[in-house]
Amino acid sequence: MSFIILFAGIVVLILLITWFKINAFISFLVVSMGIGFANGMSVTAVTDSL
C-alpha cells in the first residue's frame, strides 16, 4: 500500500511543478507532508522528519 501512496505522491509532485507552476521546494514540502500523513504518521513525526 505504501508504494501506491508513494507513486501517487510522485504523480502529484510532477503535476504541481509542471501544470500548476508551483515552486519545486514548496511542492516537495507539500507532497512529503501528504505522503507522511497518508502513511499514518502523526503530526509531530511528520514535522520532525521535515
PDB file of N, CA and C in Angstrom:
ATOM      1  N   MET A   1       0.825  -1.201   0.000  1.00  0.00           N
ATOM      2  CA  MET A   1       0.000   0.000   0.000  1.00  0.00           C
ATOM      3  C   MET A   1       0.863   1.256   0.000  1.00  0.00           C
ATOM      4  N   SER A   2       1.985   1.224   0.691  1.00  0.00           N
ATOM      5  CA  SER A   2       2.806   2.427   0.769  1.00  0.00           C
ATOM      6  C   SER A   2       3.446   2.765  -0.578  1.00  0.00           C
ATOM      7  N   PHE A   3       3.674   1.741  -1.443  1.00  0.00           N
ATOM      8  CA  PHE A   3       4.207   2.040  -2.766  1.00  0.00           C
ATOM      9  C   PHE A   3       3.177   2.760  -3.630  1.00  0.00           C
ATOM     10  N   ILE A   4       1.914   2.435  -3.439  1.00  0.00           N
ATOM     11  CA  ILE A   4       0.859   3.130  -4.181  1.00  0.00           C
ATOM     12  C   ILE A   4       0.783   4.578  -3.736  1.00  0.00           C
ATOM     13  N   ILE A   5       0.883   4.813  -2.433  1.00  0.00           N
ATOM     14  CA  ILE A   5       0.874   6.178  -1.907  1.00  0.00           C
ATOM     15  C   ILE A   5       2.088   6.945  -2.414  1.00  0.00           C
ATOM     16  N   LEU A   6       3.231   6.294  -2.429  1.00  0.00           N
ATOM     17  CA  LEU A   6       4.447   6.936  -2.922  1.00  0.00           C
ATOM     18  C   LEU A   6       4.327   7.281  -4.403  1.00  0.00           C
ATOM     19  N   PHE A   7       3.811   6.353  -5.200  1.00  0.00           N
ATOM     20  CA  PHE A   7       3.629   6.607  -6.628  1.00  0.00           C
ATOM     21  C   PHE A   7       2.650   7.754  -6.859  1.00  0.00           C
ATOM     22  N   ALA A   8       1.562   7.781  -6.088  1.00  0.00           N
ATOM     23  CA  ALA A   8       0.593   8.874  -6.214  1.00  0.00           C
ATOM     24  C   ALA A   8       1.234  10.202  -5.824  1.00  0.00           C
ATOM     25  N   GLY A   9       2.092  10.195  -4.809  1.00  0.00           N
ATOM     26  CA  GLY A   9       2.791  11.404  -4.399  1.00  0.00           C
ATOM     27  C   GLY A   9       3.719  11.919  -5.474  1.00  0.00           C
ATOM     28  N   ILE A  10       4.396  11.019  -6.160  1.00  0.00           N
ATOM     29  CA  ILE A  10       5.289  11.427  -7.248  1.00  0.00           C
ATOM     30  C   ILE A  10       4.491  12.040  -8.389  1.00  0.00           C
ATOM     31  N   VAL A  11       3.347  11.437  -8.695  1.00  0.00           N
ATOM     32  CA  VAL A  11       2.489  11.987  -9.755  1.00  0.00           C
ATOM     33  C   VAL A  11       1.992  13.376  -9.363  1.00  0.00           C
ATOM     34  N   VAL A  12       1.573  13.537  -8.107  1.00  0.00           N
ATOM     35  CA  VAL A  12       1.110  14.851  -7.635  1.00  0.00           C
ATOM     36  C   VAL A  12       2.247  15.861  -7.683  1.00  0.00           C
ATOM     37  N   LEU A  13       3.439  15.440  -7.319  1.00  0.00           N
ATOM     38  CA  LEU A  13       4.596  16.336  -7.363  1.00  0.00           C
ATOM     39  C   LEU A  13       4.853  16.829  -8.782  1.00  0.00           C
ATOM     40  N   ILE A  14       4.817  15.924  -9.740  1.00  0.00           N
ATOM     41  CA  ILE A  14       5.037  16.309 -11.132  1.00  0.00           C
ATOM     42  C   ILE A  14       3.945  17.265 -11.602  1.00  0.00           C
ATOM     43  N   LEU A  15       2.694  16.986 -11.216  1.00  0.00           N
ATOM     44  CA  LEU A  15       1.598  17.868 -11.617  1.00  0.00           C
ATOM     45  C   LEU A  15       1.718  19.248 -10.984  1.00  0.00           C
ATOM     46  N   LEU A  16       2.108  19.312  -9.724  1.00  0.00           N
ATOM     47  CA  LEU A  16       2.251  20.603  -9.065  1.00  0.00           C
ATOM     48  C   LEU A  16       3.332  21.456  -9.723  1.00  0.00           C
ATOM     49  N   ILE A  17       4.408  20.813 -10.119  1.00  0.00           N
ATOM     50  CA  ILE A  17       5.516  21.567 -10.703  1.00  0.00           C
ATOM     51  C   ILE A  17       5.232  21.949 -12.149  1.00  0.00           C
ATOM     52  N   THR A  18       4.670  21.035 -12.929  1.00  0.00           N
ATOM     53  CA  THR A  18       4.516  21.307 -14.358  1.00  0.00           C
ATOM     54  C   THR A  18       3.230  22.049 -14.689  1.00  0.00           C
ATOM     55  N   TRP A  19       2.097  21.573 -14.234  1.00  0.00           N
ATOM     56  CA  TRP A  19       0.818  22.186 -14.614  1.00  0.00           C
ATOM     57  C   TRP A  19       0.489  23.416 -13.790  1.00  0.00           C
ATOM     58  N   PHE A  20       0.688  23.329 -12.465  1.00  0.00           N
ATOM     59  CA  PHE A  20       0.279  24.436 -11.607  1.00  0.00           C
ATOM     60  C   PHE A  20       1.388  25.453 -11.372  1.00  0.00           C
ATOM     61  N   LYS A  21       2.592  25.164 -11.870  1.00  0.00           N
ATOM     62  CA  LYS A  21       3.743  26.078 -11.812  1.00  0.00           C
ATOM     63  C   LYS A  21       4.065  26.538 -10.389  1.00  0.00           C
ATOM     64  N   ILE A  22       3.916  25.608  -9.441  1.00  0.00           N
ATOM     65  CA  ILE A  22       4.273  25.899  -8.052  1.00  0.00           C
ATOM     66  C   ILE A  22       5.768  25.651  -7.887  1.00  0.00           C
ATOM     67  N   ASN A  23       6.402  26.446  -7.063  1.00  0.00           N
ATOM     68  CA  ASN A  23       7.832  26.312  -6.796  1.00  0.00           C
ATOM     69  C   ASN A  23       8.139  24.871  -6.392  1.00  0.00           C
ATOM     70  N   ALA A  24       9.262  24.343  -6.879  1.00  0.00           N
ATOM     71  CA  ALA A  24       9.617  22.951  -6.630  1.00  0.00           C
ATOM     72  C   ALA A  24       9.814  22.672  -5.143  1.00  0.00           C
ATOM     73  N   PHE A  25      10.421  23.601  -4.408  1.00  0.00           N
ATOM     74  CA  PHE A  25      10.651  23.391  -2.982  1.00  0.00           C
ATOM     75  C   PHE A  25       9.332  23.296  -2.215  1.00  0.00           C
ATOM     76  N   ILE A  26       8.401  24.188  -2.526  1.00  0.00           N
ATOM     77  CA  ILE A  26       7.087  24.163  -1.878  1.00  0.00           C
ATOM     78  C   ILE A  26       6.361  22.869  -2.242  1.00  0.00           C
ATOM     79  N   SER A  27       6.467  22.457  -3.498  1.00  0.00           N
ATOM     80  CA  SER A  27       5.816  21.224  -3.938  1.00  0.00           C
ATOM     81  C   SER A  27       6.381  20.011  -3.197  1.00  0.00           C
ATOM     82  N   PHE A  28       7.707  19.966  -3.042  1.00  0.00           N
ATOM     83  CA  PHE A  28       8.318  18.867  -2.294  1.00  0.00           C
ATOM     84  C   PHE A  28       7.817  18.837  -0.847  1.00  0.00           C
ATOM     85  N   LEU A  29       7.705  19.990  -0.217  1.00  0.00           N
ATOM     86  CA  LEU A  29       7.213  20.029   1.158  1.00  0.00           C
ATOM     87  C   LEU A  29       5.771  19.542   1.262  1.00  0.00           C
ATOM     88  N   VAL A  30       4.926  20.018   0.362  1.00  0.00           N
ATOM     89  CA  VAL A  30       3.513  19.637   0.397  1.00  0.00           C
ATOM     90  C   VAL A  30       3.349  18.139   0.155  1.00  0.00           C
ATOM     91  N   VAL A  31       4.042  17.626  -0.844  1.00  0.00           N
ATOM     92  CA  VAL A  31       3.918  16.209  -1.178  1.00  0.00           C
ATOM     93  C   VAL A  31       4.507  15.333  -0.083  1.00  0.00           C
ATOM     94  N   SER A  32       5.620  15.717   0.485  1.00  0.00           N
ATOM     95  CA  SER A  32       6.217  14.898   1.543  1.00  0.00           C
ATOM     96  C   SER A  32       5.337  14.876   2.788  1.00  0.00           C
ATOM     97  N   MET A  33       4.702  16.011   3.104  1.00  0.00           N
ATOM     98  CA  MET A  33       3.763  16.004   4.238  1.00  0.00           C
ATOM     99  C   MET A  33       2.552  15.136   3.925  1.00  0.00           C
ATOM    100  N   GLY A  34       2.039  15.217   2.707  1.00  0.00           N
ATOM    101  CA  GLY A  34       0.894  14.396   2.320  1.00  0.00           C
ATOM    102  C   GLY A  34       1.206  12.912   2.353  1.00  0.00           C
ATOM    103  N   ILE A  35       2.379  12.528   1.882  1.00  0.00           N
ATOM    104  CA  ILE A  35       2.771  11.120   1.913  1.00  0.00           C
ATOM    105  C   ILE A  35       2.927  10.642   3.355  1.00  0.00           C
ATOM    106  N   GLY A  36       3.500  11.484   4.197  1.00  0.00           N
ATOM    107  CA  GLY A  36       3.646  11.108   5.602  1.00  0.00           C
ATOM    108  C   GLY A  36       2.306  10.906   6.289  1.00  0.00           C
ATOM    109  N   PHE A  37       1.377  11.817   6.058  1.00  0.00           N
ATOM    110  CA  PHE A  37       0.045  11.681   6.663  1.00  0.00           C
ATOM    111  C   PHE A  37      -0.693  10.473   6.091  1.00  0.00           C
ATOM    112  N   ALA A  38      -0.546  10.224   4.789  1.00  0.00           N
ATOM    113  CA  ALA A  38      -1.231   9.095   4.165  1.00  0.00           C
ATOM    114  C   ALA A  38      -0.688   7.759   4.658  1.00  0.00           C
ATOM    115  N   ASN A  39       0.574   7.740   5.070  1.00  0.00           N
ATOM    116  CA  ASN A  39       1.163   6.509   5.603  1.00  0.00           C
ATOM    117  C   ASN A  39       0.902   6.331   7.090  1.00  0.00           C
ATOM    118  N   GLY A  40       0.155   7.243   7.692  1.00  0.00           N
ATOM    119  CA  GLY A  40      -0.245   7.072   9.075  1.00  0.00           C
ATOM    120  C   GLY A  40       0.694   7.694  10.097  1.00  0.00           C
ATOM    121  N   MET A  41       1.571   8.554   9.674  1.00  0.00           N
ATOM    122  CA  MET A  41       2.476   9.210  10.616  1.00  0.00           C
ATOM    123  C   MET A  41       1.711  10.289  11.377  1.00  0.00           C
ATOM    124  N   SER A  42       2.124  10.526  12.601  1.00  0.00           N
ATOM    125  CA  SER A  42       1.496  11.582  13.391  1.00  0.00           C
ATOM    126  C   SER A  42       2.025  12.942  12.943  1.00  0.00           C
ATOM    127  N   VAL A  43       1.360  13.991  13.384  1.00  0.00           N
ATOM    128  CA  VAL A  43       1.750  15.345  13.000  1.00  0.00           C
ATOM    129  C   VAL A  43       3.162  15.645  13.500  1.00  0.00           C
ATOM    130  N   THR A  44       3.461  15.258  14.718  1.00  0.00           N
ATOM    131  CA  THR A  44       4.797  15.528  15.259  1.00  0.00           C
ATOM    132  C   THR A  44       5.872  14.743  14.517  1.00  0.00           C
ATOM    133  N   ALA A  45       5.565  13.531  14.103  1.00  0.00           N
ATOM    134  CA  ALA A  45       6.551  12.734  13.352  1.00  0.00           C
ATOM    135  C   ALA A  45       6.803  13.339  11.987  1.00  0.00           C
ATOM    136  N   VAL A  46       5.757  13.838  11.355  1.00  0.00           N
ATOM    137  CA  VAL A  46       5.939  14.449  10.034  1.00  0.00           C
ATOM    138  C   VAL A  46       6.740  15.737  10.147  1.00  0.00           C
ATOM    139  N   THR A  47       6.425  16.573  11.119  1.00  0.00           N
ATOM    140  CA  THR A  47       7.163  17.827  11.257  1.00  0.00           C
ATOM    141  C   THR A  47       8.611  17.582  11.689  1.00  0.00           C
ATOM    142  N   ASP A  48       8.845  16.558  12.481  1.00  0.00           N
ATOM    143  CA  ASP A  48      10.220  16.240  12.870  1.00  0.00           C
ATOM    144  C   ASP A  48      11.029  15.727  11.681  1.00  0.00           C
ATOM    145  N   SER A  49      10.395  15.002  10.778  1.00  0.00           N
ATOM    146  CA  SER A  49      11.126  14.461   9.638  1.00  0.00           C
ATOM    147  C   SER A  49      11.408  15.534   8.587  1.00  0.00           C
ATOM    148  N   LEU A  50      10.633  16.603   8.586  1.00  0.00           N
ATOM    149  CA  LEU A  50      10.896  17.685   7.636  1.00  0.00           C
ATOM    150  C   LEU A  50      12.021  18.536   8.150  1.00  0.00           C
TER     151      LEU A  50
END
